Every structure is written in structure tokens, then in C-alpha cells.
Amino acid sequence: MAIVNGFQFPRKSGVGSLAALRPVVQRGGQWIMVDDARFPFQPGETAQMRRVRFRTLGCWPLTAAIESDADTLEAVIAETFNARSSEREGRLIDSDVPGSMEKKKQEGYF
């Protein structure tokens, strides 16, 4: 384990935290992962293969991807340390309504 901002981070991290080629669609200025046939494409959208990762270790249906070449833990730490935008900017669920994440917690969503 490595310690990142006080959190333990597994050396062999889960899907998403390390950059890889993944099918994504750009929507509203954010990269959304197309993870299976249920993805609801909007008119004119097609999946593109991009080298992306997810800033949070959370579930990618709730988090937009960022373009990245960080494919090692050390590279992820360096990229995160030097980031100029908030990690929360990629939280898709926050755009539902103000306070939607907190509301979903209260409703038992997760």
C-alpha cells in the first residue's frame, strides 16, 4: 500500500485509477466511459478510444474520465499533485441537482 493524502492506495489499483485506452464519449466537456451495450448514446455520439483514467477510486458511471498517461502509481501521484482542477469537477452525479450526492446518500443509494 502507498499513502496518498492520508488514504491507503493499493499498489495494484482497481480498474480506472491507472490510465489505459478506454472507449469514451465526450459529453458536456467531460469524457464518459462507454462500458457496455446499455450506454445511452445521444444523437451523433460515437465511442472513441482515448487514454484516460479516473481521478477518484469511485465508480466510473458516477465519475468522468480525464485524459492521462499516468499508468503507474507514482505517475498518478505526480499527476494528482500537479493537477490544476478539482477532483470534484468530474463527479457526474453532482450535476443532477444541487446537493444531489448528499441526497443520494440519505436515500441509501450507496
C-alpha atoms as a PDB file:
ATOM      1  CA  MET A   1       0.000   0.000   0.000  1.00  0.00           C
ATOM      2  CA  ALA A   2       1.032   3.588  -0.569  1.00  0.00           C
ATOM      3  CA  ILE A   3      -0.265   6.577   1.349  1.00  0.00           C
ATOM      4  CA  VAL A   4      -1.822   9.354  -0.774  1.00  0.00           C
ATOM      5  CA  ASN A   5      -3.243  12.374   1.051  1.00  0.00           C
ATOM      6  CA  GLY A   6      -3.748  10.206   4.117  1.00  0.00           C
ATOM      7  CA  PHE A   7      -5.522   7.373   2.268  1.00  0.00           C
ATOM      8  CA  GLN A   8      -4.147   3.915   1.616  1.00  0.00           C
ATOM      9  CA  PHE A   9      -3.872   3.209  -2.088  1.00  0.00           C
ATOM     10  CA  PRO A  10      -3.212  -0.353  -3.275  1.00  0.00           C
ATOM     11  CA  ARG A  11      -0.114  -0.830  -5.414  1.00  0.00           C
ATOM     12  CA  LYS A  12      -2.215  -2.880  -7.830  1.00  0.00           C
ATOM     13  CA  SER A  13      -5.126  -0.492  -8.005  1.00  0.00           C
ATOM     14  CA  GLY A  14      -8.550  -1.243  -9.387  1.00  0.00           C
ATOM     15  CA  VAL A  15      -9.969  -0.548 -12.802  1.00  0.00           C
ATOM     16  CA  GLY A  16      -9.886   3.098 -13.682  1.00  0.00           C
ATOM     17  CA  SER A  17      -7.263   4.564 -11.404  1.00  0.00           C
ATOM     18  CA  LEU A  18      -4.434   3.895 -13.898  1.00  0.00           C
ATOM     19  CA  ALA A  19      -4.505   5.282 -17.441  1.00  0.00           C
ATOM     20  CA  ALA A  20      -5.454   2.906 -20.237  1.00  0.00           C
ATOM     21  CA  LEU A  21      -7.129   3.008 -23.638  1.00  0.00           C
ATOM     22  CA  ARG A  22     -10.843   3.011 -22.971  1.00  0.00           C
ATOM     23  CA  PRO A  23     -13.976   3.682 -25.057  1.00  0.00           C
ATOM     24  CA  VAL A  24     -15.336   7.114 -24.146  1.00  0.00           C
ATOM     25  CA  VAL A  25     -17.759   9.749 -25.408  1.00  0.00           C
ATOM     26  CA  GLN A  26     -17.245  13.454 -24.855  1.00  0.00           C
ATOM     27  CA  ARG A  27     -20.383  14.984 -23.388  1.00  0.00           C
ATOM     28  CA  GLY A  28     -20.663  18.392 -21.766  1.00  0.00           C
ATOM     29  CA  GLY A  29     -16.876  18.800 -21.907  1.00  0.00           C
ATOM     30  CA  GLN A  30     -16.265  15.571 -19.974  1.00  0.00           C
ATOM     31  CA  TRP A  31     -15.158  12.094 -21.049  1.00  0.00           C
ATOM     32  CA  ILE A  32     -17.801   9.484 -20.197  1.00  0.00           C
ATOM     33  CA  MET A  33     -16.820   5.814 -20.347  1.00  0.00           C
ATOM     34  CA  VAL A  34     -18.860   3.523 -22.576  1.00  0.00           C
ATOM     35  CA  ASP A  35     -18.630   0.369 -20.516  1.00  0.00           C
ATOM     36  CA  ASP A  36     -21.284  -1.849 -22.113  1.00  0.00           C
ATOM     37  CA  ALA A  37     -24.189  -2.014 -24.586  1.00  0.00           C
ATOM     38  CA  ARG A  38     -26.537  -0.234 -22.142  1.00  0.00           C
ATOM     39  CA  PHE A  39     -24.756   3.124 -22.638  1.00  0.00           C
ATOM     40  CA  PRO A  40     -27.369   5.660 -23.868  1.00  0.00           C
ATOM     41  CA  PHE A  41     -25.718   7.384 -26.844  1.00  0.00           C
ATOM     42  CA  GLN A  42     -27.109  10.755 -27.792  1.00  0.00           C
ATOM     43  CA  PRO A  43     -27.640  11.600 -31.485  1.00  0.00           C
ATOM     44  CA  GLY A  44     -24.301  11.966 -33.264  1.00  0.00           C
ATOM     45  CA  GLU A  45     -22.230  10.382 -30.491  1.00  0.00           C
ATOM     46  CA  THR A  46     -19.829   7.536 -31.124  1.00  0.00           C
ATOM     47  CA  ALA A  47     -17.296   5.978 -28.797  1.00  0.00           C
ATOM     48  CA  GLN A  48     -13.641   6.961 -29.215  1.00  0.00           C
ATOM     49  CA  MET A  49     -10.653   5.130 -27.798  1.00  0.00           C
ATOM     50  CA  ARG A  50      -8.758   7.535 -25.529  1.00  0.00           C
ATOM     51  CA  ARG A  51      -6.037   7.052 -22.947  1.00  0.00           C
ATOM     52  CA  VAL A  52      -7.906   8.026 -19.805  1.00  0.00           C
ATOM     53  CA  ARG A  53      -8.103   7.306 -16.105  1.00  0.00           C
ATOM     54  CA  PHE A  54     -10.405   8.263 -13.289  1.00  0.00           C
ATOM     55  CA  ARG A  55      -9.272  10.674 -10.611  1.00  0.00           C
ATOM     56  CA  THR A  56     -11.300   9.080  -7.884  1.00  0.00           C
ATOM     57  CA  LEU A  57     -11.316   5.445  -6.960  1.00  0.00           C
ATOM     58  CA  GLY A  58     -15.088   5.536  -7.158  1.00  0.00           C
ATOM     59  CA  CYS A  59     -17.354   4.003  -9.735  1.00  0.00           C
ATOM     60  CA  TRP A  60     -16.886   5.344 -13.269  1.00  0.00           C
ATOM     61  CA  PRO A  61     -20.586   5.626 -14.056  1.00  0.00           C
ATOM     62  CA  LEU A  62     -20.553   8.461 -11.486  1.00  0.00           C
ATOM     63  CA  THR A  63     -17.185   9.959 -12.418  1.00  0.00           C
ATOM     64  CA  ALA A  64     -15.956  11.401 -15.714  1.00  0.00           C
ATOM     65  CA  ALA A  65     -12.577  10.296 -17.025  1.00  0.00           C
ATOM     66  CA  ILE A  66      -9.572  12.551 -17.573  1.00  0.00           C
ATOM     67  CA  GLU A  67      -7.066  12.174 -20.390  1.00  0.00           C
ATOM     68  CA  SER A  68      -3.872  10.849 -18.860  1.00  0.00           C
ATOM     69  CA  ASP A  69      -0.699   8.883 -19.468  1.00  0.00           C
ATOM     70  CA  ALA A  70      -0.321   8.036 -15.755  1.00  0.00           C
ATOM     71  CA  ASP A  71      -0.100   4.253 -15.864  1.00  0.00           C
ATOM     72  CA  THR A  72       1.865   3.711 -12.647  1.00  0.00           C
ATOM     73  CA  LEU A  73       1.052   4.620  -9.064  1.00  0.00           C
ATOM     74  CA  GLU A  74       3.956   7.067  -8.991  1.00  0.00           C
ATOM     75  CA  ALA A  75       2.714   8.782 -12.164  1.00  0.00           C
ATOM     76  CA  VAL A  76      -0.824   9.029 -10.749  1.00  0.00           C
ATOM     77  CA  ILE A  77       0.507  10.617  -7.555  1.00  0.00           C
ATOM     78  CA  ALA A  78       2.604  13.122  -9.525  1.00  0.00           C
ATOM     79  CA  GLU A  79      -0.302  13.961 -11.832  1.00  0.00           C
ATOM     80  CA  THR A  80      -2.705  14.387  -8.916  1.00  0.00           C
ATOM     81  CA  PHE A  81      -0.220  16.526  -7.002  1.00  0.00           C
ATOM     82  CA  ASN A  82       0.218  18.824 -10.018  1.00  0.00           C
ATOM     83  CA  ALA A  83      -3.465  18.974 -11.012  1.00  0.00           C
ATOM     84  CA  ARG A  84      -4.923  22.430 -11.571  1.00  0.00           C
ATOM     85  CA  SER A  85      -8.569  21.402 -11.392  1.00  0.00           C
ATOM     86  CA  SER A  86     -10.646  19.956  -8.602  1.00  0.00           C
ATOM     87  CA  GLU A  87     -11.281  16.237  -8.497  1.00  0.00           C
ATOM     88  CA  ARG A  88     -14.952  17.043  -7.882  1.00  0.00           C
ATOM     89  CA  GLU A  89     -15.232  18.554 -11.378  1.00  0.00           C
ATOM     90  CA  GLY A  90     -15.506  15.033 -12.777  1.00  0.00           C
ATOM     91  CA  ARG A  91     -18.330  13.899 -10.497  1.00  0.00           C
ATOM     92  CA  LEU A  92     -21.200  13.455 -12.943  1.00  0.00           C
ATOM     93  CA  ILE A  93     -23.691  12.770 -10.207  1.00  0.00           C
ATOM     94  CA  ASP A  94     -23.222  16.301  -8.809  1.00  0.00           C
ATOM     95  CA  SER A  95     -24.783  17.809 -11.929  1.00  0.00           C
ATOM     96  CA  ASP A  96     -28.222  16.240 -11.285  1.00  0.00           C
ATOM     97  CA  VAL A  97     -29.371  18.913  -8.838  1.00  0.00           C
ATOM     98  CA  PRO A  98     -27.576  20.937  -6.153  1.00  0.00           C
ATOM     99  CA  GLY A  99     -26.663  18.650  -3.277  1.00  0.00           C
ATOM    100  CA  SER A 100     -27.593  15.549  -5.252  1.00  0.00           C
ATOM    101  CA  MET A 101     -24.739  13.447  -3.855  1.00  0.00           C
ATOM    102  CA  GLU A 102     -25.821  14.136  -0.288  1.00  0.00           C
ATOM    103  CA  LYS A 103     -29.455  13.439  -1.200  1.00  0.00           C
ATOM    104  CA  LYS A 104     -28.497  10.114  -2.784  1.00  0.00           C
ATOM    105  CA  LYS A 105     -26.571   9.155   0.393  1.00  0.00           C
ATOM    106  CA  GLN A 106     -29.636   9.895   2.505  1.00  0.00           C
ATOM    107  CA  GLU A 107     -31.815   7.815   0.172  1.00  0.00           C
ATOM    108  CA  GLY A 108     -29.480   4.847   0.582  1.00  0.00           C
ATOM    109  CA  TYR A 109     -28.141   4.966  -2.984  1.00  0.00           C
ATOM    110  CA  PHE A 110     -24.734   3.911  -1.649  1.00  0.00           C
END
